[in-house]
Amino acid sequence: MLTTIHPKLPMRDKTITRNYYVNQLGFHEIGAAGYDEYLMLQKDQIEIHFFLFKELDPKENYGQVYIRTNTIDQVYQTLIENKVTIHPNGHLQTKPWMQKEFSLLDPDHNLLTFGQAI
C-alpha cells in the first residue's frame, strides 16, 4: 500500500530556498539540517524535499508539484496578505476540470500549484 509521497525538487541555494518556503509559505524544516546539499520542509501533512543543483537554469526548470488542500481560499488569501508573488497566469480560478486552483513559482522556478476539488 502506498501512503505518502515526498517530491524532490532542485534548488540552487539552500538558504534562499529555506527562507522562501519558511518565511513566505509557512513551512518548517524537518530532518537533519546538517546536510549542505539537501533540505526537507513540511507544512501540515505534506513534505517537499530539495537537492542542491547549483548549475540549474531556472528558465529551463520543469519541476512541478500539485498540492491539494481543502482550504484553497484561505491559503490563497494568506499568501496574498504575506505579499507572496502569484504566478502571472496562475491566479485563483475555477478550472473546467472542477478544481479551484492557483500557482506560484519558487526562487528556482519550481511550479507549485495548489488545488481543491469543487
PDB file of N, CA and C in Angstrom:
ATOM      1  N   MET A   1       0.837  -1.169   0.000  1.00  0.00           N
ATOM      2  CA  MET A   1       0.000   0.000   0.000  1.00  0.00           C
ATOM      3  C   MET A   1       0.891   1.245   0.000  1.00  0.00           C
ATOM      4  N   LEU A   2       0.618   2.179  -0.889  1.00  0.00           N
ATOM      5  CA  LEU A   2       1.321   3.458  -0.917  1.00  0.00           C
ATOM      6  C   LEU A   2       0.637   4.397   0.065  1.00  0.00           C
ATOM      7  N   THR A   3       1.434   5.159   0.826  1.00  0.00           N
ATOM      8  CA  THR A   3       0.815   6.017   1.843  1.00  0.00           C
ATOM      9  C   THR A   3       1.125   7.498   1.677  1.00  0.00           C
ATOM     10  N   THR A   4       2.298   7.861   1.229  1.00  0.00           N
ATOM     11  CA  THR A   4       2.650   9.270   1.051  1.00  0.00           C
ATOM     12  C   THR A   4       3.653   9.407  -0.076  1.00  0.00           C
ATOM     13  N   ILE A   5       3.839  10.648  -0.497  1.00  0.00           N
ATOM     14  CA  ILE A   5       4.865  10.952  -1.491  1.00  0.00           C
ATOM     15  C   ILE A   5       5.533  12.252  -1.078  1.00  0.00           C
ATOM     16  N   HIS A   6       6.833  12.305  -1.237  1.00  0.00           N
ATOM     17  CA  HIS A   6       7.604  13.492  -0.903  1.00  0.00           C
ATOM     18  C   HIS A   6       8.426  13.873  -2.129  1.00  0.00           C
ATOM     19  N   PRO A   7       7.923  14.800  -2.921  1.00  0.00           N
ATOM     20  CA  PRO A   7       8.656  15.168  -4.138  1.00  0.00           C
ATOM     21  C   PRO A   7      10.003  15.794  -3.801  1.00  0.00           C
ATOM     22  N   LYS A   8      10.951  15.590  -4.711  1.00  0.00           N
ATOM     23  CA  LYS A   8      12.277  16.189  -4.604  1.00  0.00           C
ATOM     24  C   LYS A   8      12.428  17.178  -5.754  1.00  0.00           C
ATOM     25  N   LEU A   9      12.724  18.419  -5.403  1.00  0.00           N
ATOM     26  CA  LEU A   9      12.869  19.478  -6.399  1.00  0.00           C
ATOM     27  C   LEU A   9      14.274  20.055  -6.334  1.00  0.00           C
ATOM     28  N   PRO A  10      14.760  20.585  -7.448  1.00  0.00           N
ATOM     29  CA  PRO A  10      16.096  21.189  -7.445  1.00  0.00           C
ATOM     30  C   PRO A  10      16.092  22.572  -6.794  1.00  0.00           C
ATOM     31  N   MET A  11      17.234  22.905  -6.197  1.00  0.00           N
ATOM     32  CA  MET A  11      17.438  24.244  -5.630  1.00  0.00           C
ATOM     33  C   MET A  11      18.866  24.664  -5.936  1.00  0.00           C
ATOM     34  N   ARG A  12      19.053  25.951  -6.169  1.00  0.00           N
ATOM     35  CA  ARG A  12      20.396  26.475  -6.410  1.00  0.00           C
ATOM     36  C   ARG A  12      21.071  26.918  -5.125  1.00  0.00           C
ATOM     37  N   ASP A  13      20.309  27.362  -4.153  1.00  0.00           N
ATOM     38  CA  ASP A  13      20.861  27.910  -2.923  1.00  0.00           C
ATOM     39  C   ASP A  13      19.946  27.524  -1.767  1.00  0.00           C
ATOM     40  N   LYS A  14      20.475  26.739  -0.845  1.00  0.00           N
ATOM     41  CA  LYS A  14      19.671  26.229   0.264  1.00  0.00           C
ATOM     42  C   LYS A  14      19.097  27.347   1.134  1.00  0.00           C
ATOM     43  N   THR A  15      19.882  28.374   1.383  1.00  0.00           N
ATOM     44  CA  THR A  15      19.422  29.473   2.239  1.00  0.00           C
ATOM     45  C   THR A  15      18.243  30.199   1.604  1.00  0.00           C
ATOM     46  N   ILE A  16      18.343  30.494   0.312  1.00  0.00           N
ATOM     47  CA  ILE A  16      17.252  31.189  -0.387  1.00  0.00           C
ATOM     48  C   ILE A  16      15.995  30.324  -0.409  1.00  0.00           C
ATOM     49  N   THR A  17      16.162  29.040  -0.718  1.00  0.00           N
ATOM     50  CA  THR A  17      15.015  28.128  -0.760  1.00  0.00           C
ATOM     51  C   THR A  17      14.371  28.013   0.613  1.00  0.00           C
ATOM     52  N   ARG A  18      15.167  27.793   1.644  1.00  0.00           N
ATOM     53  CA  ARG A  18      14.639  27.683   3.013  1.00  0.00           C
ATOM     54  C   ARG A  18      13.879  28.954   3.394  1.00  0.00           C
ATOM     55  N   ASN A  19      14.479  30.106   3.140  1.00  0.00           N
ATOM     56  CA  ASN A  19      13.836  31.367   3.506  1.00  0.00           C
ATOM     57  C   ASN A  19      12.496  31.554   2.794  1.00  0.00           C
ATOM     58  N   TYR A  20      12.434  31.232   1.517  1.00  0.00           N
ATOM     59  CA  TYR A  20      11.188  31.382   0.766  1.00  0.00           C
ATOM     60  C   TYR A  20      10.089  30.490   1.352  1.00  0.00           C
ATOM     61  N   TYR A  21      10.389  29.212   1.515  1.00  0.00           N
ATOM     62  CA  TYR A  21       9.375  28.274   1.970  1.00  0.00           C
ATOM     63  C   TYR A  21       8.995  28.490   3.434  1.00  0.00           C
ATOM     64  N   VAL A  22       9.954  28.836   4.277  1.00  0.00           N
ATOM     65  CA  VAL A  22       9.662  29.042   5.702  1.00  0.00           C
ATOM     66  C   VAL A  22       9.025  30.404   5.938  1.00  0.00           C
ATOM     67  N   ASN A  23       9.640  31.462   5.441  1.00  0.00           N
ATOM     68  CA  ASN A  23       9.186  32.812   5.761  1.00  0.00           C
ATOM     69  C   ASN A  23       8.003  33.289   4.927  1.00  0.00           C
ATOM     70  N   GLN A  24       7.847  32.774   3.714  1.00  0.00           N
ATOM     71  CA  GLN A  24       6.736  33.227   2.879  1.00  0.00           C
ATOM     72  C   GLN A  24       5.597  32.220   2.797  1.00  0.00           C
ATOM     73  N   LEU A  25       5.927  30.916   2.780  1.00  0.00           N
ATOM     74  CA  LEU A  25       4.878  29.918   2.606  1.00  0.00           C
ATOM     75  C   LEU A  25       4.498  29.199   3.898  1.00  0.00           C
ATOM     76  N   GLY A  26       5.235  29.419   4.986  1.00  0.00           N
ATOM     77  CA  GLY A  26       4.861  28.848   6.269  1.00  0.00           C
ATOM     78  C   GLY A  26       5.287  27.413   6.519  1.00  0.00           C
ATOM     79  N   PHE A  27       6.246  26.905   5.764  1.00  0.00           N
ATOM     80  CA  PHE A  27       6.788  25.571   6.011  1.00  0.00           C
ATOM     81  C   PHE A  27       7.766  25.649   7.180  1.00  0.00           C
ATOM     82  N   HIS A  28       8.175  24.486   7.693  1.00  0.00           N
ATOM     83  CA  HIS A  28       9.255  24.427   8.671  1.00  0.00           C
ATOM     84  C   HIS A  28      10.203  23.298   8.289  1.00  0.00           C
ATOM     85  N   GLU A  29      11.447  23.464   8.688  1.00  0.00           N
ATOM     86  CA  GLU A  29      12.475  22.480   8.345  1.00  0.00           C
ATOM     87  C   GLU A  29      12.343  21.261   9.241  1.00  0.00           C
ATOM     88  N   ILE A  30      12.523  20.098   8.651  1.00  0.00           N
ATOM     89  CA  ILE A  30      12.485  18.834   9.392  1.00  0.00           C
ATOM     90  C   ILE A  30      13.727  18.040   9.064  1.00  0.00           C
ATOM     91  N   GLY A  31      13.924  16.952   9.764  1.00  0.00           N
ATOM     92  CA  GLY A  31      15.042  16.066   9.472  1.00  0.00           C
ATOM     93  C   GLY A  31      16.365  16.669   9.870  1.00  0.00           C
ATOM     94  N   ALA A  32      17.400  16.094   9.345  1.00  0.00           N
ATOM     95  CA  ALA A  32      18.761  16.534   9.656  1.00  0.00           C
ATOM     96  C   ALA A  32      19.085  17.799   8.881  1.00  0.00           C
ATOM     97  N   ALA A  33      19.258  18.885   9.602  1.00  0.00           N
ATOM     98  CA  ALA A  33      19.547  20.169   8.963  1.00  0.00           C
ATOM     99  C   ALA A  33      21.008  20.297   8.576  1.00  0.00           C
ATOM    100  N   GLY A  34      21.832  19.328   8.933  1.00  0.00           N
ATOM    101  CA  GLY A  34      23.261  19.425   8.711  1.00  0.00           C
ATOM    102  C   GLY A  34      23.748  19.046   7.321  1.00  0.00           C
ATOM    103  N   TYR A  35      22.859  18.761   6.407  1.00  0.00           N
ATOM    104  CA  TYR A  35      23.274  18.407   5.055  1.00  0.00           C
ATOM    105  C   TYR A  35      23.262  19.643   4.176  1.00  0.00           C
ATOM    106  N   ASP A  36      24.416  20.032   3.671  1.00  0.00           N
ATOM    107  CA  ASP A  36      24.515  21.239   2.848  1.00  0.00           C
ATOM    108  C   ASP A  36      23.763  21.120   1.532  1.00  0.00           C
ATOM    109  N   GLU A  37      23.645  19.903   1.019  1.00  0.00           N
ATOM    110  CA  GLU A  37      23.090  19.726  -0.319  1.00  0.00           C
ATOM    111  C   GLU A  37      21.673  19.159  -0.325  1.00  0.00           C
ATOM    112  N   TYR A  38      21.018  19.156   0.832  1.00  0.00           N
ATOM    113  CA  TYR A  38      19.670  18.590   0.903  1.00  0.00           C
ATOM    114  C   TYR A  38      18.854  19.371   1.918  1.00  0.00           C
ATOM    115  N   LEU A  39      17.561  19.525   1.641  1.00  0.00           N
ATOM    116  CA  LEU A  39      16.670  20.277   2.511  1.00  0.00           C
ATOM    117  C   LEU A  39      15.318  19.576   2.538  1.00  0.00           C
ATOM    118  N   MET A  40      14.762  19.390   3.733  1.00  0.00           N
ATOM    119  CA  MET A  40      13.444  18.780   3.891  1.00  0.00           C
ATOM    120  C   MET A  40      12.544  19.766   4.630  1.00  0.00           C
ATOM    121  N   LEU A  41      11.402  20.046   4.038  1.00  0.00           N
ATOM    122  CA  LEU A  41      10.460  21.010   4.611  1.00  0.00           C
ATOM    123  C   LEU A  41       9.085  20.374   4.730  1.00  0.00           C
ATOM    124  N   GLN A  42       8.322  20.823   5.732  1.00  0.00           N
ATOM    125  CA  GLN A  42       6.991  20.280   5.953  1.00  0.00           C
ATOM    126  C   GLN A  42       6.022  21.398   6.304  1.00  0.00           C
ATOM    127  N   LYS A  43       4.795  21.228   5.850  1.00  0.00           N
ATOM    128  CA  LYS A  43       3.675  22.078   6.262  1.00  0.00           C
ATOM    129  C   LYS A  43       2.448  21.189   6.304  1.00  0.00           C
ATOM    130  N   ASP A  44       1.768  21.220   7.422  1.00  0.00           N
ATOM    131  CA  ASP A  44       0.618  20.344   7.624  1.00  0.00           C
ATOM    132  C   ASP A  44       1.030  18.911   7.325  1.00  0.00           C
ATOM    133  N   GLN A  45       0.371  18.253   6.387  1.00  0.00           N
ATOM    134  CA  GLN A  45       0.645  16.843   6.115  1.00  0.00           C
ATOM    135  C   GLN A  45       1.550  16.601   4.905  1.00  0.00           C
ATOM    136  N   ILE A  46       2.129  17.649   4.342  1.00  0.00           N
ATOM    137  CA  ILE A  46       2.975  17.432   3.164  1.00  0.00           C
ATOM    138  C   ILE A  46       4.435  17.762   3.456  1.00  0.00           C
ATOM    139  N   GLU A  47       5.301  17.083   2.746  1.00  0.00           N
ATOM    140  CA  GLU A  47       6.729  17.360   2.775  1.00  0.00           C
ATOM    141  C   GLU A  47       7.193  17.620   1.348  1.00  0.00           C
ATOM    142  N   ILE A  48       8.117  18.557   1.215  1.00  0.00           N
ATOM    143  CA  ILE A  48       8.816  18.755  -0.047  1.00  0.00           C
ATOM    144  C   ILE A  48      10.300  18.706   0.275  1.00  0.00           C
ATOM    145  N   HIS A  49      11.037  17.911  -0.496  1.00  0.00           N
ATOM    146  CA  HIS A  49      12.472  17.789  -0.321  1.00  0.00           C
ATOM    147  C   HIS A  49      13.166  18.505  -1.477  1.00  0.00           C
ATOM    148  N   PHE A  50      14.363  19.004  -1.224  1.00  0.00           N
ATOM    149  CA  PHE A  50      15.129  19.738  -2.226  1.00  0.00           C
ATOM    150  C   PHE A  50      16.552  19.210  -2.265  1.00  0.00           C
ATOM    151  N   PHE A  51      17.111  19.130  -3.456  1.00  0.00           N
ATOM    152  CA  PHE A  51      18.503  18.732  -3.622  1.00  0.00           C
ATOM    153  C   PHE A  51      19.259  19.863  -4.305  1.00  0.00           C
ATOM    154  N   LEU A  52      20.506  20.034  -3.936  1.00  0.00           N
ATOM    155  CA  LEU A  52      21.318  21.110  -4.481  1.00  0.00           C
ATOM    156  C   LEU A  52      21.649  20.850  -5.947  1.00  0.00           C
ATOM    157  N   PHE A  53      21.409  21.846  -6.780  1.00  0.00           N
ATOM    158  CA  PHE A  53      21.726  21.792  -8.209  1.00  0.00           C
ATOM    159  C   PHE A  53      22.163  23.201  -8.591  1.00  0.00           C
ATOM    160  N   LYS A  54      23.402  23.525  -8.275  1.00  0.00           N
ATOM    161  CA  LYS A  54      23.921  24.882  -8.459  1.00  0.00           C
ATOM    162  C   LYS A  54      23.874  25.344  -9.908  1.00  0.00           C
ATOM    163  N   GLU A  55      23.993  24.420 -10.844  1.00  0.00           N
ATOM    164  CA  GLU A  55      24.037  24.776 -12.264  1.00  0.00           C
ATOM    165  C   GLU A  55      22.649  24.920 -12.879  1.00  0.00           C
ATOM    166  N   LEU A  56      21.620  24.772 -12.092  1.00  0.00           N
ATOM    167  CA  LEU A  56      20.254  24.858 -12.600  1.00  0.00           C
ATOM    168  C   LEU A  56      20.000  26.211 -13.252  1.00  0.00           C
ATOM    169  N   ASP A  57      19.463  26.174 -14.453  1.00  0.00           N
ATOM    170  CA  ASP A  57      18.998  27.390 -15.120  1.00  0.00           C
ATOM    171  C   ASP A  57      17.499  27.477 -14.856  1.00  0.00           C
ATOM    172  N   PRO A  58      17.055  28.430 -14.028  1.00  0.00           N
ATOM    173  CA  PRO A  58      15.632  28.487 -13.682  1.00  0.00           C
ATOM    174  C   PRO A  58      14.705  28.558 -14.889  1.00  0.00           C
ATOM    175  N   LYS A  59      15.162  29.151 -15.976  1.00  0.00           N
ATOM    176  CA  LYS A  59      14.324  29.262 -17.171  1.00  0.00           C
ATOM    177  C   LYS A  59      14.141  27.919 -17.863  1.00  0.00           C
ATOM    178  N   GLU A  60      14.950  26.924 -17.481  1.00  0.00           N
ATOM    179  CA  GLU A  60      14.840  25.595 -18.069  1.00  0.00           C
ATOM    180  C   GLU A  60      14.386  24.555 -17.050  1.00  0.00           C
ATOM    181  N   ASN A  61      13.913  25.008 -15.913  1.00  0.00           N
ATOM    182  CA  ASN A  61      13.470  24.098 -14.859  1.00  0.00           C
ATOM    183  C   ASN A  61      12.007  23.737 -15.069  1.00  0.00           C
ATOM    184  N   TYR A  62      11.721  22.447 -15.084  1.00  0.00           N
ATOM    185  CA  TYR A  62      10.353  21.975 -15.268  1.00  0.00           C
ATOM    186  C   TYR A  62       9.815  21.282 -14.012  1.00  0.00           C
ATOM    187  N   GLY A  63      10.452  21.542 -12.840  1.00  0.00           N
ATOM    188  CA  GLY A  63       9.975  20.966 -11.594  1.00  0.00           C
ATOM    189  C   GLY A  63       8.577  21.476 -11.281  1.00  0.00           C
ATOM    190  N   GLN A  64       7.679  20.538 -10.945  1.00  0.00           N
ATOM    191  CA  GLN A  64       6.294  20.908 -10.649  1.00  0.00           C
ATOM    192  C   GLN A  64       5.749  20.018  -9.542  1.00  0.00           C
ATOM    193  N   VAL A  65       4.923  20.627  -8.690  1.00  0.00           N
ATOM    194  CA  VAL A  65       4.238  19.889  -7.635  1.00  0.00           C
ATOM    195  C   VAL A  65       2.794  20.374  -7.589  1.00  0.00           C
ATOM    196  N   TYR A  66       1.859  19.446  -7.477  1.00  0.00           N
ATOM    197  CA  TYR A  66       0.447  19.779  -7.302  1.00  0.00           C
ATOM    198  C   TYR A  66       0.098  19.479  -5.853  1.00  0.00           C
ATOM    199  N   ILE A  67      -0.341  20.501  -5.121  1.00  0.00           N
ATOM    200  CA  ILE A  67      -0.623  20.373  -3.691  1.00  0.00           C
ATOM    201  C   ILE A  67      -2.128  20.514  -3.486  1.00  0.00           C
ATOM    202  N   ARG A  68      -2.742  19.465  -2.990  1.00  0.00           N
ATOM    203  CA  ARG A  68      -4.184  19.507  -2.727  1.00  0.00           C
ATOM    204  C   ARG A  68      -4.442  20.104  -1.343  1.00  0.00           C
ATOM    205  N   THR A  69      -5.519  20.859  -1.256  1.00  0.00           N
ATOM    206  CA  THR A  69      -5.926  21.476   0.001  1.00  0.00           C
ATOM    207  C   THR A  69      -7.436  21.450   0.101  1.00  0.00           C
ATOM    208  N   ASN A  70      -7.941  21.583   1.305  1.00  0.00           N
ATOM    209  CA  ASN A  70      -9.389  21.706   1.472  1.00  0.00           C
ATOM    210  C   ASN A  70      -9.755  23.105   1.966  1.00  0.00           C
ATOM    211  N   THR A  71      -8.774  24.032   1.897  1.00  0.00           N
ATOM    212  CA  THR A  71      -8.994  25.427   2.307  1.00  0.00           C
ATOM    213  C   THR A  71      -8.349  26.375   1.297  1.00  0.00           C
ATOM    214  N   ILE A  72      -8.643  26.182   0.032  1.00  0.00           N
ATOM    215  CA  ILE A  72      -7.967  26.928  -1.038  1.00  0.00           C
ATOM    216  C   ILE A  72      -8.117  28.439  -0.888  1.00  0.00           C
ATOM    217  N   ASP A  73      -9.289  28.913  -0.541  1.00  0.00           N
ATOM    218  CA  ASP A  73      -9.491  30.354  -0.415  1.00  0.00           C
ATOM    219  C   ASP A  73      -8.646  30.931   0.715  1.00  0.00           C
ATOM    220  N   GLN A  74      -8.593  30.242   1.823  1.00  0.00           N
ATOM    221  CA  GLN A  74      -7.805  30.696   2.967  1.00  0.00           C
ATOM    222  C   GLN A  74      -6.308  30.671   2.647  1.00  0.00           C
ATOM    223  N   VAL A  75      -5.834  29.605   2.015  1.00  0.00           N
ATOM    224  CA  VAL A  75      -4.415  29.508   1.646  1.00  0.00           C
ATOM    225  C   VAL A  75      -4.055  30.659   0.711  1.00  0.00           C
ATOM    226  N   TYR A  76      -4.879  30.880  -0.298  1.00  0.00           N
ATOM    227  CA  TYR A  76      -4.634  31.950  -1.266  1.00  0.00           C
ATOM    228  C   TYR A  76      -4.610  33.315  -0.579  1.00  0.00           C
ATOM    229  N   GLN A  77      -5.607  33.578   0.257  1.00  0.00           N
ATOM    230  CA  GLN A  77      -5.690  34.874   0.931  1.00  0.00           C
ATOM    231  C   GLN A  77      -4.492  35.105   1.847  1.00  0.00           C
ATOM    232  N   THR A  78      -4.061  34.079   2.550  1.00  0.00           N
ATOM    233  CA  THR A  78      -2.892  34.203   3.426  1.00  0.00           C
ATOM    234  C   THR A  78      -1.649  34.551   2.623  1.00  0.00           C
ATOM    235  N   LEU A  79      -1.472  33.917   1.476  1.00  0.00           N
ATOM    236  CA  LEU A  79      -0.304  34.211   0.643  1.00  0.00           C
ATOM    237  C   LEU A  79      -0.376  35.631   0.089  1.00  0.00           C
ATOM    238  N   ILE A  80      -1.554  36.064  -0.317  1.00  0.00           N
ATOM    239  CA  ILE A  80      -1.727  37.445  -0.802  1.00  0.00           C
ATOM    240  C   ILE A  80      -1.377  38.425   0.313  1.00  0.00           C
ATOM    241  N   GLU A  81      -1.883  38.179   1.516  1.00  0.00           N
ATOM    242  CA  GLU A  81      -1.597  39.057   2.655  1.00  0.00           C
ATOM    243  C   GLU A  81      -0.111  39.093   2.995  1.00  0.00           C
ATOM    244  N   ASN A  82       0.582  37.969   2.760  1.00  0.00           N
ATOM    245  CA  ASN A  82       2.027  37.893   3.005  1.00  0.00           C
ATOM    246  C   ASN A  82       2.843  38.391   1.814  1.00  0.00           C
ATOM    247  N   LYS A  83       2.144  38.934   0.821  1.00  0.00           N
ATOM    248  CA  LYS A  83       2.777  39.503  -0.368  1.00  0.00           C
ATOM    249  C   LYS A  83       3.621  38.493  -1.154  1.00  0.00           C
ATOM    250  N   VAL A  84       3.154  37.245  -1.172  1.00  0.00           N
ATOM    251  CA  VAL A  84       3.794  36.210  -1.983  1.00  0.00           C
ATOM    252  C   VAL A  84       3.364  36.430  -3.423  1.00  0.00           C
ATOM    253  N   THR A  85       4.302  36.398  -4.336  1.00  0.00           N
ATOM    254  CA  THR A  85       4.003  36.605  -5.753  1.00  0.00           C
ATOM    255  C   THR A  85       3.285  35.386  -6.326  1.00  0.00           C
ATOM    256  N   ILE A  86       2.118  35.611  -6.865  1.00  0.00           N
ATOM    257  CA  ILE A  86       1.335  34.567  -7.538  1.00  0.00           C
ATOM    258  C   ILE A  86       1.782  34.543  -9.003  1.00  0.00           C
ATOM    259  N   HIS A  87       1.843  33.358  -9.584  1.00  0.00           N
ATOM    260  CA  HIS A  87       2.227  33.227 -10.989  1.00  0.00           C
ATOM    261  C   HIS A  87       1.303  34.115 -11.831  1.00  0.00           C
ATOM    262  N   PRO A  88       1.851  34.872 -12.789  1.00  0.00           N
ATOM    263  CA  PRO A  88       1.006  35.788 -13.587  1.00  0.00           C
ATOM    264  C   PRO A  88      -0.169  35.092 -14.280  1.00  0.00           C
ATOM    265  N   ASN A  89      -0.001  33.827 -14.644  1.00  0.00           N
ATOM    266  CA  ASN A  89      -1.090  33.084 -15.281  1.00  0.00           C
ATOM    267  C   ASN A  89      -1.769  32.122 -14.309  1.00  0.00           C
ATOM    268  N   GLY A  90      -1.501  32.293 -13.002  1.00  0.00           N
ATOM    269  CA  GLY A  90      -1.987  31.314 -12.047  1.00  0.00           C
ATOM    270  C   GLY A  90      -2.787  31.859 -10.901  1.00  0.00           C
ATOM    271  N   HIS A  91      -3.496  32.964 -11.104  1.00  0.00           N
ATOM    272  CA  HIS A  91      -4.337  33.479 -10.021  1.00  0.00           C
ATOM    273  C   HIS A  91      -5.486  32.514  -9.747  1.00  0.00           C
ATOM    274  N   LEU A  92      -6.051  32.604  -8.569  1.00  0.00           N
ATOM    275  CA  LEU A  92      -7.112  31.705  -8.137  1.00  0.00           C
ATOM    276  C   LEU A  92      -8.280  31.741  -9.114  1.00  0.00           C
ATOM    277  N   GLN A  93      -8.629  30.559  -9.604  1.00  0.00           N
ATOM    278  CA  GLN A  93      -9.763  30.451 -10.519  1.00  0.00           C
ATOM    279  C   GLN A  93     -10.281  29.021 -10.547  1.00  0.00           C
ATOM    280  N   THR A  94     -11.514  28.884 -10.994  1.00  0.00           N
ATOM    281  CA  THR A  94     -12.122  27.570 -11.150  1.00  0.00           C
ATOM    282  C   THR A  94     -11.810  27.059 -12.550  1.00  0.00           C
ATOM    283  N   LYS A  95     -11.271  25.851 -12.610  1.00  0.00           N
ATOM    284  CA  LYS A  95     -10.866  25.243 -13.875  1.00  0.00           C
ATOM    285  C   LYS A  95     -11.986  24.344 -14.411  1.00  0.00           C
ATOM    286  N   PRO A  96     -11.975  24.077 -15.720  1.00  0.00           N
ATOM    287  CA  PRO A  96     -13.011  23.219 -16.314  1.00  0.00           C
ATOM    288  C   PRO A  96     -13.010  21.797 -15.746  1.00  0.00           C
ATOM    289  N   TRP A  97     -11.883  21.363 -15.174  1.00  0.00           N
ATOM    290  CA  TRP A  97     -11.794  20.011 -14.617  1.00  0.00           C
ATOM    291  C   TRP A  97     -12.255  19.974 -13.152  1.00  0.00           C
ATOM    292  N   MET A  98     -13.070  20.985 -12.771  1.00  0.00           N
ATOM    293  CA  MET A  98     -13.718  21.051 -11.465  1.00  0.00           C
ATOM    294  C   MET A  98     -12.733  21.135 -10.297  1.00  0.00           C
ATOM    295  N   GLN A  99     -11.698  21.912 -10.508  1.00  0.00           N
ATOM    296  CA  GLN A  99     -10.733  22.222  -9.459  1.00  0.00           C
ATOM    297  C   GLN A  99     -10.643  23.738  -9.347  1.00  0.00           C
ATOM    298  N   LYS A 100     -10.520  24.228  -8.146  1.00  0.00           N
ATOM    299  CA  LYS A 100     -10.208  25.626  -7.905  1.00  0.00           C
ATOM    300  C   LYS A 100      -8.706  25.649  -7.639  1.00  0.00           C
ATOM    301  N   GLU A 101      -7.958  26.454  -8.402  1.00  0.00           N
ATOM    302  CA  GLU A 101      -6.502  26.375  -8.375  1.00  0.00           C
ATOM    303  C   GLU A 101      -5.838  27.742  -8.434  1.00  0.00           C
ATOM    304  N   PHE A 102      -4.577  27.769  -7.968  1.00  0.00           N
ATOM    305  CA  PHE A 102      -3.673  28.887  -8.212  1.00  0.00           C
ATOM    306  C   PHE A 102      -2.254  28.339  -8.188  1.00  0.00           C
ATOM    307  N   SER A 103      -1.303  29.134  -8.719  1.00  0.00           N
ATOM    308  CA  SER A 103       0.075  28.661  -8.845  1.00  0.00           C
ATOM    309  C   SER A 103       1.084  29.718  -8.439  1.00  0.00           C
ATOM    310  N   LEU A 104       2.246  29.237  -8.001  1.00  0.00           N
ATOM    311  CA  LEU A 104       3.395  30.070  -7.644  1.00  0.00           C
ATOM    312  C   LEU A 104       4.631  29.514  -8.322  1.00  0.00           C
ATOM    313  N   LEU A 105       5.622  30.352  -8.498  1.00  0.00           N
ATOM    314  CA  LEU A 105       6.958  29.899  -8.901  1.00  0.00           C
ATOM    315  C   LEU A 105       7.890  30.202  -7.741  1.00  0.00           C
ATOM    316  N   ASP A 106       8.644  29.191  -7.288  1.00  0.00           N
ATOM    317  CA  ASP A 106       9.595  29.442  -6.214  1.00  0.00           C
ATOM    318  C   ASP A 106      10.850  30.091  -6.792  1.00  0.00           C
ATOM    319  N   PRO A 107      11.850  30.416  -5.980  1.00  0.00           N
ATOM    320  CA  PRO A 107      13.032  31.121  -6.494  1.00  0.00           C
ATOM    321  C   PRO A 107      13.785  30.378  -7.603  1.00  0.00           C
ATOM    322  N   ASP A 108      13.584  29.061  -7.705  1.00  0.00           N
ATOM    323  CA  ASP A 108      14.244  28.284  -8.759  1.00  0.00           C
ATOM    324  C   ASP A 108      13.302  27.919  -9.890  1.00  0.00           C
ATOM    325  N   HIS A 109      12.135  28.526  -9.899  1.00  0.00           N
ATOM    326  CA  HIS A 109      11.086  28.325 -10.898  1.00  0.00           C
ATOM    327  C   HIS A 109      10.458  26.935 -10.855  1.00  0.00           C
ATOM    328  N   ASN A 110      10.465  26.304  -9.683  1.00  0.00           N
ATOM    329  CA  ASN A 110       9.642  25.115  -9.483  1.00  0.00           C
ATOM    330  C   ASN A 110       8.205  25.617  -9.388  1.00  0.00           C
ATOM    331  N   LEU A 111       7.317  25.021 -10.158  1.00  0.00           N
ATOM    332  CA  LEU A 111       5.923  25.433 -10.178  1.00  0.00           C
ATOM    333  C   LEU A 111       5.158  24.725  -9.070  1.00  0.00           C
ATOM    334  N   LEU A 112       4.540  25.494  -8.193  1.00  0.00           N
ATOM    335  CA  LEU A 112       3.689  24.951  -7.133  1.00  0.00           C
ATOM    336  C   LEU A 112       2.255  25.307  -7.463  1.00  0.00           C
ATOM    337  N   THR A 113       1.432  24.310  -7.731  1.00  0.00           N
ATOM    338  CA  THR A 113       0.022  24.534  -7.997  1.00  0.00           C
ATOM    339  C   THR A 113      -0.769  23.993  -6.820  1.00  0.00           C
ATOM    340  N   PHE A 114      -1.638  24.826  -6.287  1.00  0.00           N
ATOM    341  CA  PHE A 114      -2.493  24.449  -5.166  1.00  0.00           C
ATOM    342  C   PHE A 114      -3.897  24.246  -5.727  1.00  0.00           C
ATOM    343  N   GLY A 115      -4.563  23.171  -5.325  1.00  0.00           N
ATOM    344  CA  GLY A 115      -5.886  22.903  -5.867  1.00  0.00           C
ATOM    345  C   GLY A 115      -6.834  22.284  -4.870  1.00  0.00           C
ATOM    346  N   GLN A 116      -8.115  22.553  -5.087  1.00  0.00           N
ATOM    347  CA  GLN A 116      -9.185  21.978  -4.275  1.00  0.00           C
ATOM    348  C   GLN A 116     -10.320  21.564  -5.206  1.00  0.00           C
ATOM    349  N   ALA A 117     -10.815  20.354  -5.009  1.00  0.00           N
ATOM    350  CA  ALA A 117     -11.967  19.889  -5.775  1.00  0.00           C
ATOM    351  C   ALA A 117     -13.202  20.686  -5.389  1.00  0.00           C
ATOM    352  N   ILE A 118     -14.036  20.997  -6.396  1.00  0.00           N
ATOM    353  CA  ILE A 118     -15.279  21.724  -6.103  1.00  0.00           C
ATOM    354  C   ILE A 118     -16.485  20.890  -6.521  1.00  0.00           C
TER     355      ILE A 118
END
